[in-house]
Protein backbone atom coordinates (compact mmCIF):
# COMPACT_ATOMS: atom_id res chain seq x y z
CA MET A 1 -110.08 -51.27 47.26
CA LYS A 2 -112.17 -52.18 50.28
CA LYS A 3 -112.07 -50.02 53.42
CA GLU A 4 -113.84 -51.00 56.62
CA CYS A 5 -114.76 -47.38 57.38
CA ILE A 6 -114.53 -44.08 55.53
CA ALA A 7 -115.51 -40.57 56.63
CA MET A 8 -117.68 -38.03 54.82
CA LEU A 9 -117.13 -34.49 56.05
CA LEU A 10 -119.91 -31.98 55.37
CA ALA A 11 -118.15 -28.68 54.63
CA GLY A 12 -120.44 -26.98 52.15
CA GLY A 13 -122.65 -24.82 54.38
CA GLN A 14 -122.67 -21.06 54.02
CA GLY A 15 -122.03 -20.27 57.68
CA SER A 16 -124.27 -17.23 57.38
CA ARG A 17 -124.26 -16.56 61.14
CA LEU A 18 -120.54 -15.74 60.94
CA TYR A 19 -121.54 -12.84 58.65
CA ALA A 20 -118.45 -10.81 57.67
CA LEU A 21 -116.06 -13.71 58.33
CA THR A 22 -117.69 -16.02 55.76
CA GLN A 23 -118.50 -13.58 52.95
CA LYS A 24 -115.64 -14.94 50.84
CA MET A 25 -114.71 -18.07 52.71
CA ALA A 26 -116.43 -21.33 53.71
CA LYS A 27 -116.95 -21.67 57.45
CA PRO A 28 -114.61 -24.68 57.87
CA ALA A 29 -111.78 -22.52 56.44
CA VAL A 30 -112.19 -19.77 59.06
CA PRO A 31 -109.03 -19.39 61.19
CA PHE A 32 -109.18 -20.70 64.73
CA GLY A 33 -106.91 -20.95 67.76
CA GLY A 34 -103.88 -19.00 66.58
CA LYS A 35 -102.61 -21.36 63.89
CA TYR A 36 -105.50 -23.60 62.82
CA ARG A 37 -108.61 -23.58 60.63
CA ILE A 38 -111.88 -25.03 61.94
CA ILE A 39 -111.62 -28.02 59.59
CA ASP A 40 -108.28 -29.02 61.14
CA PHE A 41 -110.16 -30.58 64.06
CA PRO A 42 -112.30 -33.19 62.23
CA LEU A 43 -109.48 -33.92 59.76
CA SER A 44 -106.98 -34.43 62.61
CA ASN A 45 -109.53 -36.57 64.47
CA CYS A 46 -109.84 -38.77 61.37
CA SER A 47 -106.08 -39.12 61.05
CA ASN A 48 -105.59 -39.81 64.77
CA SER A 49 -108.46 -42.34 64.72
CA GLY A 50 -106.89 -44.36 61.89
CA ILE A 51 -109.46 -43.33 59.28
CA ASP A 52 -107.41 -42.77 56.14
CA THR A 53 -110.15 -42.08 53.58
CA VAL A 54 -112.11 -38.85 53.87
CA GLY A 55 -114.48 -37.20 51.40
CA VAL A 56 -114.85 -33.45 52.00
CA LEU A 57 -118.11 -32.15 50.53
CA THR A 58 -117.68 -28.51 49.54
CA GLN A 59 -120.08 -26.06 47.95
CA TYR A 60 -120.19 -22.48 49.33
CA GLN A 61 -117.13 -20.28 48.56
CA PRO A 62 -114.80 -23.31 48.27
CA LEU A 63 -111.62 -21.68 46.87
CA GLU A 64 -109.87 -20.97 50.19
CA LEU A 65 -110.93 -24.31 51.65
CA ASN A 66 -109.82 -26.30 48.59
CA ASP A 67 -106.43 -24.58 48.58
CA TYR A 68 -106.00 -25.22 52.28
CA ILE A 69 -106.81 -28.94 52.14
CA GLY A 70 -104.71 -29.50 49.00
CA ASN A 71 -103.40 -33.06 48.85
CA GLY A 72 -104.08 -33.71 52.55
CA GLN A 73 -100.40 -33.98 53.47
CA PRO A 74 -100.56 -32.02 56.79
CA TRP A 75 -103.06 -34.56 58.16
CA ASP A 76 -101.22 -37.60 56.72
CA LEU A 77 -104.10 -38.03 54.27
CA ASP A 78 -102.06 -37.92 51.05
CA ARG A 79 -102.56 -41.63 50.39
CA LEU A 80 -102.20 -43.64 47.20
CA ARG A 81 -105.27 -45.66 48.20
CA GLY A 82 -107.77 -43.46 49.97
CA GLY A 83 -106.64 -40.14 51.43
CA VAL A 84 -108.63 -36.90 51.28
CA HIS A 85 -110.91 -36.09 48.33
CA ILE A 86 -112.64 -32.78 47.63
CA LEU A 87 -116.20 -33.54 46.49
CA PRO A 88 -118.08 -30.55 45.02
CA PRO A 89 -121.50 -30.85 43.31
CA TYR A 90 -121.17 -31.96 39.67
CA GLN A 91 -123.09 -32.23 36.42
CA THR A 92 -124.38 -35.54 35.07
CA ALA A 93 -126.05 -36.61 31.82
CA SER A 94 -129.44 -36.06 33.47
CA GLY A 95 -128.62 -32.59 34.77
CA SER A 96 -127.00 -30.99 37.77
CA SER A 97 -127.95 -29.65 41.18
CA TRP A 98 -126.39 -28.16 44.27
CA TYR A 99 -126.32 -30.14 47.47
CA GLU A 100 -129.86 -29.66 48.75
CA GLY A 101 -129.39 -30.99 52.28
CA THR A 102 -126.99 -33.06 54.36
CA ALA A 103 -128.52 -36.38 53.24
CA ASN A 104 -128.63 -35.28 49.60
CA ALA A 105 -124.94 -34.35 49.74
CA ILE A 106 -124.09 -37.92 50.77
CA TYR A 107 -126.59 -39.33 48.23
CA GLN A 108 -124.89 -37.46 45.39
CA ASN A 109 -121.61 -39.16 46.34
CA ILE A 110 -122.81 -42.76 46.60
CA ARG A 111 -120.52 -43.72 43.72
CA PHE A 112 -117.51 -42.31 45.60
CA ILE A 113 -118.42 -44.30 48.73
CA ASP A 114 -119.12 -47.49 46.76
CA ARG A 115 -115.59 -47.37 45.32
CA TYR A 116 -114.34 -48.33 48.79
CA ASN A 117 -117.13 -50.84 49.54
CA PRO A 118 -117.10 -49.87 53.25
CA GLU A 119 -118.88 -51.65 56.06
CA TYR A 120 -119.40 -48.34 57.87
CA ILE A 121 -119.32 -44.65 57.11
CA ILE A 122 -118.93 -41.86 59.59
CA VAL A 123 -120.62 -38.56 58.74
CA LEU A 124 -119.09 -35.43 60.27
CA GLY A 125 -119.73 -31.71 60.35
CA GLY A 126 -116.94 -29.38 59.35
CA ASP A 127 -117.76 -26.64 61.83
CA HIS A 128 -117.19 -28.07 65.30
CA ILE A 129 -114.21 -27.78 67.66
CA TYR A 130 -113.49 -30.99 69.58
CA LYS A 131 -111.15 -33.95 69.87
CA MET A 132 -112.72 -37.40 69.50
CA ASP A 133 -111.43 -40.89 68.81
CA TYR A 134 -113.85 -42.01 66.09
CA SER A 135 -112.50 -45.57 66.22
CA LYS A 136 -114.04 -45.99 69.70
CA MET A 137 -117.40 -44.83 68.36
CA VAL A 138 -117.16 -47.32 65.49
CA ASP A 139 -116.30 -50.07 67.99
CA PHE A 140 -119.39 -49.10 70.03
CA HIS A 141 -121.47 -49.28 66.84
CA LYS A 142 -120.19 -52.78 66.08
CA GLU A 143 -120.59 -54.04 69.66
CA HIS A 144 -124.28 -53.07 69.57
CA SER A 145 -124.86 -54.42 66.04
CA ALA A 146 -126.26 -50.97 65.32
CA ASP A 147 -127.62 -49.61 62.06
CA ALA A 148 -126.92 -46.05 63.19
CA THR A 149 -124.99 -44.56 66.10
CA ILE A 150 -125.26 -40.88 66.99
CA ALA A 151 -122.73 -39.07 69.19
CA VAL A 152 -124.51 -37.19 71.97
CA LEU A 153 -123.57 -34.59 74.52
CA ASN A 154 -125.47 -33.87 77.70
CA VAL A 155 -126.46 -30.19 77.57
CA SER A 156 -128.48 -27.99 79.90
CA LEU A 157 -132.25 -27.96 79.53
CA GLU A 158 -132.05 -24.30 78.48
CA GLU A 159 -129.75 -25.18 75.56
CA ALA A 160 -131.61 -28.33 74.48
CA SER A 161 -134.02 -26.54 72.13
CA ARG A 162 -131.10 -25.67 69.82
CA PHE A 163 -130.26 -29.32 69.08
CA GLY A 164 -131.68 -32.59 67.87
CA ILE A 165 -132.65 -34.26 71.15
CA MET A 166 -132.73 -38.00 71.85
CA THR A 167 -134.38 -40.15 74.48
CA CYS A 168 -132.72 -43.51 75.16
CA ASP A 169 -133.44 -46.68 77.11
CA SER A 170 -131.06 -48.15 79.71
CA ASP A 171 -129.00 -49.81 76.94
CA CYS A 172 -128.44 -46.46 75.13
CA ARG A 173 -130.86 -47.48 72.37
CA ILE A 174 -132.61 -44.42 70.95
CA VAL A 175 -136.38 -44.54 71.43
CA ASP A 176 -137.25 -40.97 70.49
CA PHE A 177 -135.68 -38.17 68.45
CA THR A 178 -136.92 -34.62 67.95
CA GLU A 179 -135.14 -31.95 65.94
CA LYS A 180 -134.89 -28.69 67.96
CA PRO A 181 -137.92 -29.35 70.21
CA LYS A 182 -139.68 -26.47 71.95
CA GLU A 183 -140.20 -28.65 75.02
CA PRO A 184 -137.27 -31.12 75.18
CA LYS A 185 -137.92 -34.57 76.67
CA SER A 186 -134.24 -35.05 77.54
CA THR A 187 -130.91 -33.23 77.43
CA LEU A 188 -129.04 -35.67 75.17
CA ALA A 189 -128.09 -33.49 72.20
CA SER A 190 -126.92 -34.74 68.82
CA MET A 191 -123.38 -33.57 67.97
CA GLY A 192 -123.97 -34.10 64.24
CA ILE A 193 -121.56 -37.06 64.23
CA TYR A 194 -123.04 -40.30 62.88
CA VAL A 195 -121.79 -43.82 62.24
CA PHE A 196 -123.94 -45.80 59.82
CA THR A 197 -123.80 -49.32 58.52
CA TRP A 198 -123.36 -48.41 54.88
CA ASP A 199 -125.76 -50.89 53.28
CA LYS A 200 -128.52 -49.68 55.58
CA LEU A 201 -127.87 -45.97 55.05
CA ARG A 202 -127.55 -46.43 51.29
CA LYS A 203 -131.09 -47.84 51.17
CA TYR A 204 -132.51 -44.93 53.18
CA LEU A 205 -130.67 -42.31 51.12
CA ILE A 206 -132.18 -43.64 47.90
CA GLU A 207 -135.69 -43.86 49.38
CA ASN A 208 -135.39 -40.36 50.82
CA GLU A 209 -134.20 -38.93 47.51
CA ASN A 210 -137.19 -40.40 45.70
CA ALA A 211 -139.59 -39.16 48.38
CA GLY A 212 -138.49 -35.52 48.17
CA GLY A 213 -138.65 -33.62 51.45
CA SER A 214 -135.81 -31.67 52.99
CA LYS A 215 -133.21 -34.41 52.29
CA ASP A 216 -131.65 -33.89 55.68
CA PHE A 217 -130.35 -36.39 58.26
CA GLY A 218 -132.05 -34.74 61.24
CA LYS A 219 -135.37 -34.13 59.52
CA ASP A 220 -135.67 -37.20 57.28
CA ILE A 221 -133.17 -40.05 57.64
CA ILE A 222 -133.00 -40.35 61.44
CA PRO A 223 -136.81 -40.12 61.94
CA ALA A 224 -137.41 -42.65 59.15
CA MET A 225 -134.96 -45.16 60.61
CA LEU A 226 -136.46 -44.70 64.05
CA GLN A 227 -139.99 -45.18 62.71
CA ASN A 228 -138.91 -48.45 61.09
CA ASN A 229 -137.45 -49.66 64.40
CA GLU A 230 -133.88 -49.83 63.09
CA ARG A 231 -131.17 -50.41 65.69
CA MET A 232 -130.08 -46.87 66.63
CA TYR A 233 -127.84 -46.09 69.58
CA ALA A 234 -126.49 -43.00 71.32
CA TYR A 235 -122.75 -42.74 71.95
CA SER A 236 -122.03 -40.45 74.88
CA PHE A 237 -119.18 -37.97 74.59
CA ASN A 238 -117.90 -36.18 77.68
CA GLY A 239 -115.08 -34.03 76.31
CA TYR A 240 -114.93 -30.48 75.01
CA TRP A 241 -117.19 -29.78 72.01
CA LYS A 242 -118.21 -26.42 70.62
CA ASP A 243 -120.39 -25.48 67.68
CA VAL A 244 -118.67 -22.33 66.38
CA GLY A 245 -121.58 -21.31 64.18
CA THR A 246 -121.97 -17.80 65.61
CA LEU A 247 -119.56 -14.91 66.06
CA TYR A 248 -119.86 -15.07 69.83
CA SER A 249 -119.34 -18.85 70.01
CA LEU A 250 -116.30 -18.54 67.71
CA TRP A 251 -114.83 -15.84 69.98
CA GLU A 252 -115.74 -17.84 73.08
CA ALA A 253 -114.11 -21.02 71.74
CA ASN A 254 -110.90 -19.08 71.10
CA MET A 255 -111.00 -17.76 74.67
CA ASP A 256 -111.61 -21.33 75.91
CA ILE A 257 -108.11 -22.23 74.72
CA LEU A 258 -106.79 -19.80 77.31
CA ASN A 259 -109.31 -20.56 80.04
CA SER A 260 -110.24 -24.23 79.75
CA SER A 261 -108.15 -27.31 80.31
CA ASP A 262 -110.74 -29.35 78.37
CA LEU A 263 -109.42 -28.18 74.98
CA GLU A 264 -105.82 -29.31 75.31
CA LEU A 265 -103.78 -28.38 72.23
CA TYR A 266 -100.46 -29.52 73.67
CA ASP A 267 -101.38 -33.20 73.89
CA ALA A 268 -98.60 -35.06 72.06
CA ASP A 269 -100.81 -38.16 71.78
CA TRP A 270 -103.61 -36.33 69.94
CA LYS A 271 -102.10 -33.58 67.85
CA ILE A 272 -104.21 -31.15 65.87
CA TYR A 273 -102.48 -30.82 62.53
CA SER A 274 -102.64 -27.81 60.22
CA ARG A 275 -101.15 -26.37 57.04
CA ASN A 276 -98.84 -23.57 58.07
CA MET A 277 -96.80 -21.06 56.14
CA SER A 278 -93.06 -21.02 56.71
CA LEU A 279 -92.69 -17.83 58.71
CA PRO A 280 -89.85 -16.37 60.75
CA PRO A 281 -89.93 -16.47 64.57
CA GLN A 282 -92.12 -13.97 66.36
CA TYR A 283 -90.46 -10.73 67.47
CA ILE A 284 -91.35 -9.31 70.89
CA GLY A 285 -90.17 -5.69 71.13
CA PRO A 286 -88.86 -3.80 74.19
CA GLU A 287 -92.21 -2.06 74.76
CA ALA A 288 -94.30 -5.23 74.52
CA ASP A 289 -96.35 -6.52 77.44
CA ILE A 290 -97.93 -9.93 76.85
CA GLN A 291 -99.97 -11.87 79.40
CA ASP A 292 -102.21 -14.96 79.17
CA SER A 293 -102.13 -14.99 75.36
CA LEU A 294 -101.07 -17.03 72.35
CA VAL A 295 -98.80 -15.32 69.81
CA SER A 296 -98.02 -17.26 66.61
CA ASP A 297 -95.08 -17.32 64.21
CA GLY A 298 -94.17 -14.29 62.16
CA CYS A 299 -95.70 -11.74 64.53
CA SER A 300 -94.06 -8.46 65.46
CA VAL A 301 -95.30 -7.13 68.81
CA ASN A 302 -94.53 -3.81 70.45
CA GLY A 303 -97.85 -3.20 72.24
CA SER A 304 -99.79 -4.74 75.12
CA ILE A 305 -101.65 -8.04 74.67
CA HIS A 306 -103.83 -9.48 77.41
CA SER A 307 -105.95 -12.65 77.22
CA SER A 308 -105.94 -12.74 73.42
CA ILE A 309 -105.19 -15.01 70.46
CA ILE A 310 -102.78 -13.51 67.92
CA TYR A 311 -102.47 -15.46 64.65
CA SER A 312 -99.45 -15.71 62.37
CA GLY A 313 -97.90 -12.70 60.68
CA VAL A 314 -99.69 -10.05 62.74
CA THR A 315 -98.07 -6.67 63.39
CA ILE A 316 -98.88 -4.83 66.61
CA GLU A 317 -97.23 -1.45 66.90
CA ASN A 318 -96.31 0.50 70.03
CA ASN A 319 -98.95 1.95 72.38
CA VAL A 320 -101.51 -0.59 71.13
CA VAL A 321 -103.78 -2.38 73.62
CA ILE A 322 -105.28 -5.77 72.68
CA ASP A 323 -107.58 -7.26 75.32
CA HIS A 324 -109.75 -10.42 75.16
CA SER A 325 -109.61 -10.37 71.37
CA VAL A 326 -108.90 -12.59 68.39
CA VAL A 327 -106.58 -11.12 65.74
CA MET A 328 -106.48 -13.24 62.57
CA PRO A 329 -103.48 -13.79 60.23
CA GLY A 330 -101.73 -10.86 58.61
CA ALA A 331 -103.63 -8.10 60.43
CA VAL A 332 -101.86 -4.85 61.21
CA ILE A 333 -102.77 -2.87 64.34
CA LYS A 334 -101.16 0.57 64.24
CA SER A 335 -99.90 2.83 67.01
CA GLY A 336 -102.37 3.96 69.64
CA ALA A 337 -105.22 1.61 68.65
CA VAL A 338 -107.29 -0.08 71.36
CA VAL A 339 -108.98 -3.41 70.58
CA LYS A 340 -111.13 -5.03 73.28
CA TYR A 341 -113.51 -8.01 73.10
CA ALA A 342 -113.28 -8.15 69.32
CA ILE A 343 -112.48 -10.34 66.32
CA ILE A 344 -110.20 -8.74 63.73
CA GLY A 345 -110.36 -10.51 60.35
CA ALA A 346 -107.33 -11.65 58.34
CA ASP A 347 -105.25 -9.02 56.54
CA SER A 348 -107.22 -6.13 58.05
CA VAL A 349 -105.49 -2.85 58.81
CA ILE A 350 -106.46 -0.95 61.96
CA GLU A 351 -105.04 2.54 61.58
CA SER A 352 -103.68 4.70 64.42
CA ASP A 353 -105.85 5.69 67.39
CA VAL A 354 -108.81 3.50 66.37
CA LYS A 355 -110.98 2.16 69.18
CA ILE A 356 -112.72 -1.17 68.62
CA GLY A 357 -115.08 -2.83 71.13
CA ALA A 358 -115.21 -2.65 74.93
CA SER A 359 -115.79 -4.88 77.93
CA LYS A 360 -119.26 -5.39 79.41
CA GLU A 361 -118.26 -3.28 82.39
CA GLU A 362 -117.19 -0.37 80.19
CA THR A 363 -120.34 -0.62 78.07
CA GLY A 364 -122.72 -0.19 80.99
CA GLU A 365 -125.71 -2.22 82.16
CA ASN A 366 -128.27 -0.32 80.11
CA GLN A 367 -126.48 -0.72 76.78
CA LYS A 368 -126.47 -3.79 74.52
CA TRP A 369 -123.13 -5.59 74.60
CA ASP A 370 -121.54 -8.05 72.19
CA ILE A 371 -118.16 -8.55 70.62
CA ALA A 372 -117.11 -6.19 67.82
CA VAL A 373 -116.11 -7.74 64.47
CA ILE A 374 -113.95 -6.48 61.61
CA GLY A 375 -114.16 -8.62 58.44
CA HIS A 376 -111.23 -9.91 56.42
CA GLY A 377 -109.21 -7.32 54.49
CA GLU A 378 -110.96 -4.26 55.92
CA VAL A 379 -109.18 -0.96 56.54
CA ILE A 380 -110.39 1.08 59.54
CA SER A 381 -109.36 4.73 59.24
CA SER A 382 -107.54 6.66 61.96
CA GLY A 383 -109.64 7.89 64.85
CA VAL A 384 -112.71 5.75 64.08
CA SER A 385 -114.60 4.05 66.93
CA VAL A 386 -116.29 0.68 66.42
CA ALA A 387 -118.88 0.05 69.14
CA PRO A 388 -119.38 -3.23 71.02
CA GLY A 389 -121.55 -5.49 68.88
CA GLN A 390 -120.85 -3.48 65.71
CA MET A 391 -119.61 -5.30 62.61
CA ILE A 392 -117.67 -3.91 59.63
CA PRO A 393 -118.66 -4.42 56.91
CA THR A 394 -122.36 -4.60 57.79
CA VAL A 395 -123.82 -7.85 56.42
């Protein structure tokens, strides 16, 4: 059952910087953009790129994510040969272990990859929002007879210290790589998207496993290949890409849907697919006032919504104000509540006359400002105020 290229999607991280939103849910399963989950983006990219075999490596709080992916049908990945496969850690005759790093997670699934005898594998993160045609990156890899190709984004010098940074020659060949350097030599940042020639990567995975270390692509595999003068190239990407690893970046990426033309969700030629419940049409009541917002199926709205993302099945009662906020599926916002610059988790209940968050201008220059966050399934009692930057529950 040979495949030229298969994808391995790393979806097992804890996502600890999303705090209350990932206490009972893996980060790739976190809702995004009104009707999606974060993992919809790499899965849809695979499907749109013609990659029909995807291994999803899960570990932390996998129940919600496993249920969501199911048989892969929403992404046209329910294939008889190939399709999507959930790959958790497993026990063997010699023992068992959790995935210890990104490279170790792929190492533990060498048998799965070998079943398809691929020429190339593409390794993806499950926590990024972007649209990319992976087939073009694979073509670039082949044209350069590369052993490894890394997708890169040009970032500002101030941001560069947060990424793995590459220096390249005039032919895009990587000559230097440093993981999160204090003094970056360039601004070409790794996006955590790799294409490898499988035979070459397989050899390095086995050597790295036997050598110990952190068993990580950025810390072990990429530096080792570079040291051995393997053919490694940088593939430049110029579109929208966002790491939604923090609460603020998750909120900001949701706002980007309203403010940025770079993240186009209405492109019929590159659809982002998702698994959606069958819900009735949204109801917009006579007292509703909605501007510059997305409101999904199954919502009932009688309040004011400005510059916000309202997910499916949300109830917003009369005299409610929602401003620059993200309200996740099934939440209920009761009469008189004011929600500004906030994320409200799924199935939360905001009782009457609650005040959550505020704008920077309202907070004042001398006070710390950040978005306010309510975790999934929380109930906020009537009359309570949740300050900007406050999170419930505290994690």
